[in-house]
């Protein structure tokens, strides 16, 4: 998720939270929330952080090397998962979080490409 990438890039660049705040203009408290996956950065914040890290937005959001899958295969896999998770609440929660991450990633990507 994007929080993990923010933290990894912050450490890679040797920035403390306050140093990244000074470079990016994003509150260190909010950066910490992103890193802990307690909040999701807006496209505006993603742009600021990418600039601060001197990376492309795709690198920050890990939107590179996407795999293309056809609709039928995706539906088949979803149906298989649906049968497997019927009674497993933890797996349902994990899959819900995965779906949310995918939706966020693609919504953000579309939003950034439109600007």
Foldseek 3Di string as FASTA:
>chain_A
DLLCLLVVLCVVVPHDLVRLCVQQVDHSVVNVCSNVVVDDDALSSLVSSCVSSVHDSCSSLVVPPDDDDDPVVVVVVVVVVCVVCVPPPVVVVVVVVVVVSVVVSVVSVVVVVVD
